[in-house]
């Protein structure tokens, strides 16, 4: 098994600490060869039963991006209506998507009908396929961050509407809408923490049974 020295271990911790959910992007293009290299991280990701259920669709046309942005804006307005008072005012001031500025939009889906893997590990927990896709997204995210790219995960969306707008196959379920590009600025502290939306826990509790 490969051994990693202390310097590498420290760098890995720093990489995870600096992996931020980016919503403020420069509009500069991303080099296609670099993007492709980062996307290859999906091929290295673990998956239940070696099913590799992730499916990628790049949202690039003007029409597709406009539909996705409209989807977000509708869902965001509905989410805002669910808050009131001080929390509503705070929510209204948050920038929750970099969809207008990010040069690359990538959707990541789970093919829940895949025959690859022959169902191993998914018979009792079929959601393991989606968990595998989440793991692949995080692996891509870390590689992208190591190359200086920012990634923002947009979760304020109507998945069914997006699936219809992008004409995805039956059986695919949305896991992530990712905005990718060069960050306007970098911070070790999450934006939601800086804006006072929530406080990050500084310790982990592990219970024993």
N, C-alpha and C. Protein backbone atom coordinates (compact mmCIF):
# COMPACT_ATOMS: atom_id res chain seq x y z
N UNK A 1 0.85 -1.19 0.00
CA UNK A 1 0.00 0.00 0.00
C UNK A 1 0.88 1.25 0.00
N UNK A 2 0.46 2.26 -0.74
CA UNK A 2 1.21 3.51 -0.83
C UNK A 2 1.27 4.20 0.53
N UNK A 3 2.48 4.64 0.90
CA UNK A 3 2.65 5.42 2.13
C UNK A 3 2.73 6.89 1.78
N UNK A 4 2.08 7.74 2.58
CA UNK A 4 2.10 9.18 2.36
C UNK A 4 2.75 9.84 3.57
N UNK A 5 3.73 10.71 3.30
CA UNK A 5 4.46 11.31 4.39
C UNK A 5 3.65 12.40 5.08
N UNK A 6 4.19 12.92 6.18
CA UNK A 6 3.48 13.91 6.98
C UNK A 6 3.19 15.17 6.19
N UNK A 7 4.12 15.57 5.33
CA UNK A 7 3.91 16.78 4.53
C UNK A 7 2.69 16.62 3.62
N UNK A 8 2.56 15.46 3.00
CA UNK A 8 1.40 15.21 2.15
C UNK A 8 0.12 15.19 2.98
N UNK A 9 0.16 14.56 4.13
CA UNK A 9 -1.02 14.50 4.99
C UNK A 9 -1.48 15.89 5.39
N UNK A 10 -0.51 16.77 5.70
CA UNK A 10 -0.85 18.15 6.06
C UNK A 10 -1.45 18.89 4.87
N UNK A 11 -0.91 18.65 3.68
CA UNK A 11 -1.44 19.30 2.49
C UNK A 11 -2.86 18.82 2.19
N UNK A 12 -3.11 17.54 2.42
CA UNK A 12 -4.45 17.00 2.19
C UNK A 12 -5.45 17.65 3.14
N UNK A 13 -5.07 17.81 4.39
CA UNK A 13 -5.94 18.49 5.36
C UNK A 13 -6.20 19.92 4.93
N UNK A 14 -5.15 20.60 4.46
CA UNK A 14 -5.31 21.98 3.99
C UNK A 14 -6.24 22.04 2.78
N UNK A 15 -6.12 21.07 1.87
CA UNK A 15 -6.97 21.03 0.70
C UNK A 15 -8.43 20.90 1.11
N UNK A 16 -8.72 20.04 2.05
CA UNK A 16 -10.10 19.86 2.51
C UNK A 16 -10.60 21.12 3.22
N UNK A 17 -9.70 21.79 3.95
CA UNK A 17 -10.10 23.01 4.65
C UNK A 17 -10.42 24.12 3.66
N UNK A 18 -9.69 24.18 2.56
CA UNK A 18 -9.88 25.24 1.56
C UNK A 18 -10.88 24.86 0.48
N UNK A 19 -11.49 23.67 0.59
CA UNK A 19 -12.54 23.30 -0.34
C UNK A 19 -13.81 24.04 0.07
N UNK A 20 -14.10 25.10 -0.63
CA UNK A 20 -15.25 25.93 -0.30
C UNK A 20 -16.32 25.79 -1.38
N UNK A 21 -17.57 26.05 -0.97
CA UNK A 21 -18.67 26.10 -1.93
C UNK A 21 -18.66 27.50 -2.53
N UNK A 22 -18.20 27.60 -3.77
CA UNK A 22 -17.99 28.91 -4.39
C UNK A 22 -19.25 29.37 -5.12
N UNK A 23 -19.62 30.62 -4.90
CA UNK A 23 -20.78 31.20 -5.59
C UNK A 23 -20.43 32.47 -6.34
N UNK A 24 -19.21 32.95 -6.13
CA UNK A 24 -18.78 34.19 -6.78
C UNK A 24 -17.60 33.85 -7.70
N UNK A 25 -17.89 33.85 -9.01
CA UNK A 25 -16.91 33.43 -10.00
C UNK A 25 -16.50 34.58 -10.91
N UNK A 26 -15.26 34.50 -11.39
CA UNK A 26 -14.87 35.31 -12.54
C UNK A 26 -15.44 34.62 -13.78
N UNK A 27 -15.60 35.38 -14.83
CA UNK A 27 -16.17 34.80 -16.05
C UNK A 27 -15.11 34.24 -16.99
N UNK A 28 -13.84 34.30 -16.60
CA UNK A 28 -12.76 33.77 -17.43
C UNK A 28 -13.01 32.31 -17.78
N UNK A 29 -12.70 31.90 -19.00
CA UNK A 29 -12.93 30.50 -19.39
C UNK A 29 -12.00 29.55 -18.65
N UNK A 30 -12.43 28.31 -18.57
CA UNK A 30 -11.62 27.24 -17.97
C UNK A 30 -11.00 26.43 -19.10
N UNK A 31 -9.71 26.19 -19.00
CA UNK A 31 -9.01 25.40 -20.01
C UNK A 31 -9.64 24.01 -20.09
N UNK A 32 -9.96 23.59 -21.30
CA UNK A 32 -10.67 22.32 -21.48
C UNK A 32 -9.82 21.13 -21.05
N UNK A 33 -8.52 21.18 -21.30
CA UNK A 33 -7.66 20.07 -20.91
C UNK A 33 -7.61 19.94 -19.38
N UNK A 34 -7.56 21.09 -18.69
CA UNK A 34 -7.57 21.06 -17.22
C UNK A 34 -8.90 20.51 -16.70
N UNK A 35 -9.99 20.98 -17.31
CA UNK A 35 -11.31 20.50 -16.89
C UNK A 35 -11.41 18.99 -17.09
N UNK A 36 -10.95 18.52 -18.23
CA UNK A 36 -11.01 17.08 -18.51
C UNK A 36 -10.20 16.29 -17.50
N UNK A 37 -9.04 16.82 -17.15
CA UNK A 37 -8.20 16.16 -16.15
C UNK A 37 -8.93 16.05 -14.82
N UNK A 38 -9.59 17.12 -14.42
CA UNK A 38 -10.34 17.11 -13.16
C UNK A 38 -11.52 16.13 -13.22
N UNK A 39 -12.18 16.09 -14.36
CA UNK A 39 -13.33 15.18 -14.51
C UNK A 39 -12.90 13.72 -14.45
N UNK A 40 -11.65 13.44 -14.81
CA UNK A 40 -11.17 12.06 -14.73
C UNK A 40 -11.20 11.53 -13.30
N UNK A 41 -11.32 12.45 -12.32
CA UNK A 41 -11.42 12.00 -10.92
C UNK A 41 -12.65 11.13 -10.71
N UNK A 42 -13.69 11.33 -11.53
CA UNK A 42 -14.88 10.47 -11.41
C UNK A 42 -14.51 9.01 -11.65
N UNK A 43 -13.56 8.77 -12.53
CA UNK A 43 -13.18 7.40 -12.87
C UNK A 43 -12.47 6.71 -11.73
N UNK A 44 -11.94 7.49 -10.78
CA UNK A 44 -11.21 6.92 -9.65
C UNK A 44 -12.09 6.77 -8.41
N UNK A 45 -13.31 7.24 -8.50
CA UNK A 45 -14.18 7.25 -7.31
C UNK A 45 -14.68 5.85 -6.97
N UNK A 46 -14.90 5.60 -5.68
CA UNK A 46 -15.48 4.31 -5.28
C UNK A 46 -16.96 4.27 -5.61
N UNK A 47 -17.50 3.08 -5.78
CA UNK A 47 -18.93 2.95 -6.01
C UNK A 47 -19.40 1.57 -5.56
N UNK A 48 -20.63 1.52 -5.09
CA UNK A 48 -21.17 0.27 -4.59
C UNK A 48 -21.21 -0.77 -5.71
N UNK A 49 -20.65 -1.93 -5.44
CA UNK A 49 -20.65 -3.00 -6.43
C UNK A 49 -19.89 -2.67 -7.70
N UNK A 50 -19.05 -1.64 -7.66
CA UNK A 50 -18.35 -1.14 -8.84
C UNK A 50 -19.37 -0.78 -9.94
N UNK A 51 -20.49 -0.21 -9.52
CA UNK A 51 -21.57 0.11 -10.45
C UNK A 51 -21.33 1.40 -11.23
N UNK A 52 -20.47 2.28 -10.70
CA UNK A 52 -20.14 3.55 -11.38
C UNK A 52 -21.40 4.22 -11.95
N UNK A 53 -22.36 4.54 -11.09
CA UNK A 53 -23.66 4.99 -11.58
C UNK A 53 -23.73 6.47 -11.94
N UNK A 54 -22.62 7.21 -11.84
CA UNK A 54 -22.65 8.64 -12.16
C UNK A 54 -22.79 8.86 -13.67
N UNK A 55 -23.61 9.82 -14.01
CA UNK A 55 -23.81 10.23 -15.40
C UNK A 55 -23.70 11.75 -15.46
N UNK A 56 -22.93 12.26 -16.40
CA UNK A 56 -22.64 13.69 -16.46
C UNK A 56 -23.27 14.33 -17.69
N UNK A 57 -23.89 15.48 -17.48
CA UNK A 57 -24.39 16.29 -18.59
C UNK A 57 -23.89 17.71 -18.38
N UNK A 58 -23.19 18.22 -19.37
CA UNK A 58 -22.71 19.60 -19.32
C UNK A 58 -23.80 20.52 -19.87
N UNK A 59 -24.15 21.52 -19.12
CA UNK A 59 -25.20 22.47 -19.51
C UNK A 59 -24.50 23.64 -20.19
N UNK A 60 -24.57 23.69 -21.51
CA UNK A 60 -23.73 24.65 -22.24
C UNK A 60 -24.52 25.57 -23.17
N UNK A 61 -25.59 25.08 -23.74
CA UNK A 61 -26.33 25.92 -24.69
C UNK A 61 -27.03 27.06 -23.95
N UNK A 62 -27.29 28.13 -24.68
CA UNK A 62 -27.96 29.28 -24.09
C UNK A 62 -29.35 28.90 -23.58
N UNK A 63 -30.04 28.07 -24.33
CA UNK A 63 -31.39 27.68 -23.94
C UNK A 63 -31.37 26.82 -22.67
N UNK A 64 -30.45 25.88 -22.60
CA UNK A 64 -30.38 25.00 -21.43
C UNK A 64 -30.00 25.78 -20.18
N UNK A 65 -29.08 26.71 -20.33
CA UNK A 65 -28.67 27.52 -19.17
C UNK A 65 -29.80 28.44 -18.72
N UNK A 66 -30.51 28.99 -19.66
CA UNK A 66 -31.63 29.87 -19.31
C UNK A 66 -32.70 29.09 -18.56
N UNK A 67 -32.96 27.87 -18.99
CA UNK A 67 -33.96 27.03 -18.32
C UNK A 67 -33.51 26.68 -16.91
N UNK A 68 -32.23 26.36 -16.75
CA UNK A 68 -31.71 26.02 -15.43
C UNK A 68 -31.75 27.22 -14.49
N UNK A 69 -31.40 28.39 -15.02
CA UNK A 69 -31.42 29.61 -14.20
C UNK A 69 -32.85 29.95 -13.77
N UNK A 70 -33.79 29.83 -14.69
CA UNK A 70 -35.20 30.09 -14.35
C UNK A 70 -35.68 29.10 -13.29
N UNK A 71 -35.23 27.86 -13.40
CA UNK A 71 -35.56 26.83 -12.42
C UNK A 71 -35.08 27.26 -11.04
N UNK A 72 -33.82 27.67 -10.96
CA UNK A 72 -33.26 28.12 -9.69
C UNK A 72 -34.02 29.31 -9.13
N UNK A 73 -34.29 30.30 -9.96
CA UNK A 73 -34.94 31.52 -9.48
C UNK A 73 -36.33 31.25 -8.94
N UNK A 74 -37.06 30.34 -9.58
CA UNK A 74 -38.39 29.96 -9.09
C UNK A 74 -38.28 29.24 -7.74
N UNK A 75 -37.37 28.27 -7.66
CA UNK A 75 -37.19 27.51 -6.42
C UNK A 75 -36.68 28.41 -5.30
N UNK A 76 -35.83 29.36 -5.65
CA UNK A 76 -35.28 30.26 -4.64
C UNK A 76 -36.36 31.18 -4.07
N UNK A 77 -37.25 31.65 -4.93
CA UNK A 77 -38.35 32.49 -4.47
C UNK A 77 -39.28 31.70 -3.54
N UNK A 78 -39.51 30.44 -3.88
CA UNK A 78 -40.35 29.59 -3.03
C UNK A 78 -39.67 29.34 -1.68
N UNK A 79 -38.35 29.15 -1.71
CA UNK A 79 -37.62 28.94 -0.46
C UNK A 79 -37.67 30.18 0.42
N UNK A 80 -37.50 31.34 -0.18
CA UNK A 80 -37.55 32.60 0.57
C UNK A 80 -38.90 32.76 1.26
N UNK A 81 -39.96 32.35 0.61
CA UNK A 81 -41.30 32.47 1.18
C UNK A 81 -41.48 31.60 2.42
N UNK A 82 -40.59 30.65 2.61
CA UNK A 82 -40.68 29.78 3.77
C UNK A 82 -40.04 30.37 5.02
N UNK A 83 -39.41 31.53 4.90
CA UNK A 83 -38.80 32.19 6.04
C UNK A 83 -39.56 33.48 6.34
N UNK A 84 -39.37 33.98 7.53
CA UNK A 84 -39.95 35.29 7.84
C UNK A 84 -39.02 36.05 8.78
N UNK A 85 -39.31 37.32 8.94
CA UNK A 85 -38.54 38.14 9.86
C UNK A 85 -37.08 38.28 9.49
N UNK A 86 -36.24 38.23 10.51
CA UNK A 86 -34.80 38.43 10.34
C UNK A 86 -34.18 37.37 9.44
N UNK A 87 -34.65 36.12 9.56
CA UNK A 87 -34.09 35.04 8.74
C UNK A 87 -34.43 35.26 7.27
N UNK A 88 -35.63 35.76 6.98
CA UNK A 88 -36.01 36.04 5.59
C UNK A 88 -35.13 37.14 5.01
N UNK A 89 -34.87 38.18 5.79
CA UNK A 89 -34.02 39.27 5.32
C UNK A 89 -32.61 38.78 5.06
N UNK A 90 -32.10 37.92 5.95
CA UNK A 90 -30.76 37.37 5.76
C UNK A 90 -30.71 36.48 4.53
N UNK A 91 -31.74 35.62 4.37
CA UNK A 91 -31.79 34.74 3.20
C UNK A 91 -31.80 35.54 1.91
N UNK A 92 -32.60 36.59 1.87
CA UNK A 92 -32.73 37.41 0.65
C UNK A 92 -31.41 38.03 0.25
N UNK A 93 -30.52 38.24 1.21
CA UNK A 93 -29.24 38.86 0.90
C UNK A 93 -28.14 37.88 0.55
N UNK A 94 -28.42 36.59 0.65
CA UNK A 94 -27.40 35.59 0.34
C UNK A 94 -27.28 35.36 -1.16
N UNK A 95 -26.06 35.16 -1.61
CA UNK A 95 -25.85 34.75 -3.00
C UNK A 95 -25.75 33.24 -2.99
N UNK A 96 -26.75 32.58 -3.53
CA UNK A 96 -26.85 31.13 -3.40
C UNK A 96 -26.56 30.38 -4.69
N UNK A 97 -26.13 31.09 -5.70
CA UNK A 97 -25.81 30.44 -6.97
C UNK A 97 -24.83 31.30 -7.77
N UNK A 98 -23.90 30.64 -8.43
CA UNK A 98 -23.00 31.33 -9.34
C UNK A 98 -23.35 31.04 -10.78
N UNK A 99 -24.61 30.72 -11.04
CA UNK A 99 -25.02 30.25 -12.36
C UNK A 99 -24.86 31.32 -13.44
N UNK A 100 -25.00 32.58 -13.09
CA UNK A 100 -24.88 33.64 -14.10
C UNK A 100 -23.43 33.83 -14.54
N UNK A 101 -22.48 33.63 -13.65
CA UNK A 101 -21.09 33.96 -13.95
C UNK A 101 -20.22 32.75 -14.29
N UNK A 102 -20.48 31.60 -13.69
CA UNK A 102 -19.59 30.44 -13.85
C UNK A 102 -19.52 30.01 -15.31
N UNK A 103 -18.32 29.83 -15.86
CA UNK A 103 -18.20 29.45 -17.27
C UNK A 103 -18.60 28.00 -17.56
N UNK A 104 -18.55 27.14 -16.54
CA UNK A 104 -18.88 25.73 -16.75
C UNK A 104 -20.01 25.33 -15.82
N UNK A 105 -21.05 24.72 -16.40
CA UNK A 105 -22.15 24.14 -15.62
C UNK A 105 -22.17 22.64 -15.89
N UNK A 106 -22.19 21.87 -14.82
CA UNK A 106 -22.17 20.41 -14.96
C UNK A 106 -23.24 19.80 -14.07
N UNK A 107 -24.09 18.96 -14.65
CA UNK A 107 -25.06 18.23 -13.84
C UNK A 107 -24.59 16.79 -13.67
N UNK A 108 -24.77 16.27 -12.46
CA UNK A 108 -24.35 14.92 -12.14
C UNK A 108 -25.58 14.13 -11.70
N UNK A 109 -25.81 13.02 -12.36
CA UNK A 109 -27.02 12.22 -12.14
C UNK A 109 -26.64 10.82 -11.67
N UNK A 110 -27.57 10.17 -11.03
CA UNK A 110 -27.40 8.77 -10.67
C UNK A 110 -28.30 7.91 -11.55
N UNK A 111 -27.69 6.96 -12.24
CA UNK A 111 -28.46 6.02 -13.05
C UNK A 111 -28.91 4.88 -12.14
N UNK A 112 -30.11 5.00 -11.63
CA UNK A 112 -30.60 4.03 -10.66
C UNK A 112 -31.04 2.72 -11.29
N UNK A 113 -31.06 2.68 -12.61
CA UNK A 113 -31.47 1.45 -13.30
C UNK A 113 -30.27 0.71 -13.90
N UNK A 114 -29.05 1.18 -13.57
CA UNK A 114 -27.88 0.57 -14.19
C UNK A 114 -27.76 -0.92 -13.83
N UNK A 115 -27.35 -1.70 -14.81
CA UNK A 115 -27.11 -3.13 -14.57
C UNK A 115 -25.65 -3.37 -14.17
N UNK A 116 -24.81 -2.35 -14.35
CA UNK A 116 -23.41 -2.48 -13.98
C UNK A 116 -23.30 -2.70 -12.47
N UNK A 117 -22.50 -3.64 -12.07
CA UNK A 117 -22.37 -3.98 -10.66
C UNK A 117 -23.28 -5.11 -10.23
N UNK A 118 -24.25 -5.47 -11.11
CA UNK A 118 -25.13 -6.62 -10.86
C UNK A 118 -25.86 -6.52 -9.52
N UNK A 119 -26.11 -5.29 -9.06
CA UNK A 119 -26.89 -5.08 -7.85
C UNK A 119 -26.15 -5.35 -6.55
N UNK A 120 -24.86 -5.68 -6.63
CA UNK A 120 -24.11 -5.99 -5.42
C UNK A 120 -24.12 -4.79 -4.47
N UNK A 121 -24.54 -5.02 -3.22
CA UNK A 121 -24.53 -3.97 -2.21
C UNK A 121 -25.71 -3.01 -2.28
N UNK A 122 -26.52 -3.14 -3.31
CA UNK A 122 -27.63 -2.20 -3.48
C UNK A 122 -29.00 -2.85 -3.30
N UNK A 123 -29.03 -4.14 -3.06
CA UNK A 123 -30.32 -4.83 -2.92
C UNK A 123 -31.05 -4.37 -1.66
N UNK A 124 -30.32 -4.26 -0.55
CA UNK A 124 -30.94 -3.83 0.70
C UNK A 124 -30.88 -2.32 0.87
N UNK A 125 -29.91 -1.67 0.22
CA UNK A 125 -29.76 -0.21 0.33
C UNK A 125 -29.55 0.38 -1.07
N UNK A 126 -30.61 0.46 -1.87
CA UNK A 126 -30.46 1.00 -3.23
C UNK A 126 -29.95 2.43 -3.25
N UNK A 127 -30.14 3.16 -2.13
CA UNK A 127 -29.64 4.53 -2.08
C UNK A 127 -28.11 4.59 -2.11
N UNK A 128 -27.45 3.45 -1.95
CA UNK A 128 -26.00 3.41 -2.02
C UNK A 128 -25.48 3.89 -3.38
N UNK A 129 -26.29 3.70 -4.42
CA UNK A 129 -25.86 4.21 -5.74
C UNK A 129 -25.75 5.73 -5.70
N UNK A 130 -26.73 6.39 -5.09
CA UNK A 130 -26.65 7.86 -4.99
C UNK A 130 -25.50 8.28 -4.08
N UNK A 131 -25.29 7.55 -3.00
CA UNK A 131 -24.17 7.87 -2.13
C UNK A 131 -22.85 7.75 -2.89
N UNK A 132 -22.78 6.77 -3.77
CA UNK A 132 -21.57 6.61 -4.59
C UNK A 132 -21.36 7.81 -5.49
N UNK A 133 -22.44 8.35 -6.03
CA UNK A 133 -22.33 9.53 -6.89
C UNK A 133 -21.88 10.73 -6.06
N UNK A 134 -22.39 10.86 -4.85
CA UNK A 134 -21.95 11.95 -3.97
C UNK A 134 -20.45 11.84 -3.72
N UNK A 135 -19.95 10.63 -3.48
CA UNK A 135 -18.52 10.43 -3.25
C UNK A 135 -17.72 10.84 -4.49
N UNK A 136 -18.25 10.54 -5.67
CA UNK A 136 -17.54 10.91 -6.89
C UNK A 136 -17.50 12.43 -7.08
N UNK A 137 -18.58 13.10 -6.69
CA UNK A 137 -18.61 14.56 -6.77
C UNK A 137 -17.55 15.16 -5.87
N UNK A 138 -17.44 14.67 -4.64
CA UNK A 138 -16.46 15.19 -3.71
C UNK A 138 -15.04 14.94 -4.20
N UNK A 139 -14.81 13.79 -4.81
CA UNK A 139 -13.49 13.50 -5.34
C UNK A 139 -13.13 14.49 -6.45
N UNK A 140 -14.08 14.74 -7.36
CA UNK A 140 -13.86 15.74 -8.41
C UNK A 140 -13.60 17.11 -7.80
N UNK A 141 -14.38 17.46 -6.78
CA UNK A 141 -14.29 18.78 -6.16
C UNK A 141 -12.89 19.04 -5.60
N UNK A 142 -12.33 18.04 -4.92
CA UNK A 142 -11.01 18.19 -4.34
C UNK A 142 -9.94 18.34 -5.42
N UNK A 143 -10.05 17.58 -6.49
CA UNK A 143 -9.08 17.70 -7.58
C UNK A 143 -9.18 19.07 -8.23
N UNK A 144 -10.43 19.53 -8.46
CA UNK A 144 -10.62 20.85 -9.05
C UNK A 144 -10.02 21.92 -8.15
N UNK A 145 -10.25 21.82 -6.86
CA UNK A 145 -9.70 22.81 -5.92
C UNK A 145 -8.18 22.79 -5.93
N UNK A 146 -7.59 21.60 -6.05
CA UNK A 146 -6.14 21.49 -6.09
C UNK A 146 -5.55 22.20 -7.29
N UNK A 147 -6.36 22.39 -8.34
CA UNK A 147 -5.92 23.10 -9.54
C UNK A 147 -6.36 24.57 -9.52
N UNK A 148 -6.90 25.00 -8.39
CA UNK A 148 -7.29 26.40 -8.27
C UNK A 148 -8.69 26.73 -8.71
N UNK A 149 -9.43 25.74 -9.19
CA UNK A 149 -10.80 25.97 -9.64
C UNK A 149 -11.75 26.00 -8.45
N UNK A 150 -12.81 26.78 -8.60
CA UNK A 150 -13.87 26.79 -7.60
C UNK A 150 -15.05 25.98 -8.09
N UNK A 151 -15.77 25.38 -7.16
CA UNK A 151 -16.97 24.59 -7.47
C UNK A 151 -18.08 25.04 -6.54
N UNK A 152 -19.27 25.24 -7.09
CA UNK A 152 -20.43 25.57 -6.29
C UNK A 152 -21.54 24.58 -6.57
N UNK A 153 -22.11 24.02 -5.52
CA UNK A 153 -23.17 23.01 -5.64
C UNK A 153 -24.51 23.71 -5.45
N UNK A 154 -25.32 23.78 -6.51
CA UNK A 154 -26.62 24.43 -6.46
C UNK A 154 -27.68 23.38 -6.14
N UNK A 155 -28.31 23.51 -4.97
CA UNK A 155 -29.32 22.53 -4.57
C UNK A 155 -30.72 23.12 -4.53
N UNK A 156 -30.85 24.39 -4.84
CA UNK A 156 -32.16 25.04 -4.83
C UNK A 156 -32.73 24.95 -6.24
N UNK A 157 -33.24 23.79 -6.56
CA UNK A 157 -33.71 23.48 -7.92
C UNK A 157 -34.87 22.49 -7.83
N UNK A 158 -35.67 22.45 -8.87
CA UNK A 158 -36.70 21.42 -9.03
C UNK A 158 -36.09 20.32 -9.91
N UNK A 159 -35.69 19.18 -9.32
CA UNK A 159 -35.01 18.13 -10.10
C UNK A 159 -35.85 17.60 -11.25
N UNK A 160 -37.15 17.43 -11.04
CA UNK A 160 -38.01 16.89 -12.10
C UNK A 160 -38.07 17.83 -13.29
N UNK A 161 -38.18 19.11 -13.01
CA UNK A 161 -38.20 20.10 -14.10
C UNK A 161 -36.88 20.12 -14.85
N UNK A 162 -35.77 20.04 -14.10
CA UNK A 162 -34.45 20.03 -14.76
C UNK A 162 -34.29 18.80 -15.63
N UNK A 163 -34.74 17.65 -15.12
CA UNK A 163 -34.65 16.41 -15.90
C UNK A 163 -35.44 16.52 -17.19
N UNK A 164 -36.60 17.16 -17.12
CA UNK A 164 -37.42 17.34 -18.32
C UNK A 164 -36.75 18.31 -19.29
N UNK A 165 -36.22 19.42 -18.77
CA UNK A 165 -35.59 20.42 -19.62
C UNK A 165 -34.35 19.88 -20.33
N UNK A 166 -33.63 18.99 -19.66
CA UNK A 166 -32.41 18.43 -20.24
C UNK A 166 -32.65 17.09 -20.93
N UNK A 167 -33.89 16.62 -20.91
CA UNK A 167 -34.27 15.38 -21.57
C UNK A 167 -33.39 14.21 -21.15
N UNK A 168 -33.25 14.03 -19.84
CA UNK A 168 -32.41 12.92 -19.36
C UNK A 168 -33.20 11.62 -19.44
N UNK A 169 -32.51 10.49 -19.53
CA UNK A 169 -33.20 9.20 -19.61
C UNK A 169 -34.01 8.90 -18.35
N UNK A 170 -35.02 8.10 -18.52
CA UNK A 170 -35.83 7.64 -17.40
C UNK A 170 -34.93 6.84 -16.45
N UNK A 171 -35.11 7.03 -15.18
CA UNK A 171 -34.30 6.29 -14.21
C UNK A 171 -33.09 7.06 -13.71
N UNK A 172 -32.78 8.21 -14.33
CA UNK A 172 -31.70 9.05 -13.82
C UNK A 172 -32.28 10.00 -12.78
N UNK A 173 -31.56 10.20 -11.69
CA UNK A 173 -31.99 11.11 -10.64
C UNK A 173 -30.89 12.13 -10.37
N UNK A 174 -31.30 13.38 -10.26
CA UNK A 174 -30.32 14.45 -10.06
C UNK A 174 -29.65 14.33 -8.70
N UNK A 175 -28.33 14.42 -8.71
CA UNK A 175 -27.57 14.48 -7.47
C UNK A 175 -26.95 15.86 -7.29
N UNK A 176 -26.37 16.43 -8.35
CA UNK A 176 -25.68 17.70 -8.18
C UNK A 176 -25.75 18.56 -9.45
N UNK A 177 -25.98 19.85 -9.22
CA UNK A 177 -25.79 20.86 -10.27
C UNK A 177 -24.58 21.66 -9.84
N UNK A 178 -23.50 21.57 -10.60
CA UNK A 178 -22.23 22.17 -10.22
C UNK A 178 -21.88 23.35 -11.13
N UNK A 179 -21.55 24.47 -10.51
CA UNK A 179 -20.98 25.61 -11.22
C UNK A 179 -19.47 25.55 -11.00
N UNK A 180 -18.71 25.72 -12.07
CA UNK A 180 -17.26 25.52 -12.02
C UNK A 180 -16.57 26.71 -12.70
N UNK A 181 -15.55 27.23 -12.06
CA UNK A 181 -14.81 28.35 -12.65
C UNK A 181 -13.78 28.88 -11.68
N UNK A 182 -13.23 30.05 -12.01
CA UNK A 182 -12.20 30.66 -11.18
C UNK A 182 -12.86 31.55 -10.13
N UNK A 183 -12.58 31.33 -8.84
CA UNK A 183 -13.22 32.13 -7.78
C UNK A 183 -12.82 33.60 -7.86
N UNK A 184 -13.75 34.48 -7.53
CA UNK A 184 -13.43 35.90 -7.42
C UNK A 184 -12.43 36.13 -6.30
N UNK A 185 -12.63 35.43 -5.20
CA UNK A 185 -11.75 35.54 -4.03
C UNK A 185 -11.78 34.21 -3.30
N UNK A 186 -10.82 34.01 -2.41
CA UNK A 186 -10.74 32.76 -1.68
C UNK A 186 -10.80 33.04 -0.19
N UNK A 187 -11.47 32.16 0.54
CA UNK A 187 -11.58 32.29 1.98
C UNK A 187 -11.63 30.91 2.61
N UNK A 188 -10.97 30.78 3.75
CA UNK A 188 -10.99 29.51 4.47
C UNK A 188 -12.31 29.32 5.20
N UNK A 189 -13.05 30.40 5.39
CA UNK A 189 -14.30 30.35 6.13
C UNK A 189 -15.49 30.29 5.17
N UNK A 190 -16.40 29.33 5.35
CA UNK A 190 -17.57 29.25 4.47
C UNK A 190 -18.37 30.55 4.46
N UNK A 191 -18.92 30.90 3.29
CA UNK A 191 -19.65 32.16 3.17
C UNK A 191 -20.86 32.20 4.09
N UNK A 192 -21.58 31.09 4.24
CA UNK A 192 -22.74 31.08 5.11
C UNK A 192 -22.35 31.35 6.56
N UNK A 193 -21.16 30.92 6.94
CA UNK A 193 -20.67 31.21 8.28
C UNK A 193 -20.31 32.69 8.40
N UNK A 194 -19.67 33.24 7.36
CA UNK A 194 -19.31 34.66 7.39
C UNK A 194 -20.55 35.54 7.42
N UNK A 195 -21.62 35.11 6.76
CA UNK A 195 -22.83 35.90 6.70
C UNK A 195 -23.73 35.72 7.92
N UNK A 196 -23.36 34.81 8.81
CA UNK A 196 -24.13 34.61 10.03
C UNK A 196 -25.33 33.70 9.90
N UNK A 197 -25.36 32.91 8.82
CA UNK A 197 -26.50 32.00 8.64
C UNK A 197 -26.46 30.85 9.64
N UNK A 198 -25.28 30.33 9.89
CA UNK A 198 -25.13 29.20 10.81
C UNK A 198 -23.70 29.20 11.35
N UNK A 199 -23.49 28.50 12.46
CA UNK A 199 -22.18 28.40 13.09
C UNK A 199 -21.66 26.99 12.91
N UNK A 200 -20.43 26.88 12.44
CA UNK A 200 -19.84 25.56 12.24
C UNK A 200 -19.45 24.96 13.59
N UNK A 201 -19.75 23.67 13.77
CA UNK A 201 -19.32 22.98 14.98
C UNK A 201 -17.79 22.87 14.99
N UNK A 202 -17.20 23.00 16.14
CA UNK A 202 -15.75 22.91 16.23
C UNK A 202 -15.29 21.60 16.86
N UNK A 203 -16.24 20.67 17.09
CA UNK A 203 -15.87 19.38 17.62
C UNK A 203 -16.83 18.31 17.09
N UNK A 204 -16.38 17.10 17.12
CA UNK A 204 -17.17 15.98 16.61
C UNK A 204 -17.52 15.05 17.77
N UNK A 205 -18.78 14.70 17.86
CA UNK A 205 -19.21 13.77 18.88
C UNK A 205 -19.40 12.39 18.26
N UNK A 206 -18.78 11.41 18.84
CA UNK A 206 -18.91 10.02 18.37
C UNK A 206 -19.52 9.21 19.51
N UNK A 207 -20.72 8.72 19.32
CA UNK A 207 -21.39 7.95 20.36
C UNK A 207 -21.00 6.48 20.28
N UNK A 208 -21.08 5.84 21.40
CA UNK A 208 -20.78 4.41 21.50
C UNK A 208 -22.00 3.67 21.98
N UNK A 209 -22.30 2.59 21.36
CA UNK A 209 -23.44 1.76 21.77
C UNK A 209 -22.94 0.41 22.29
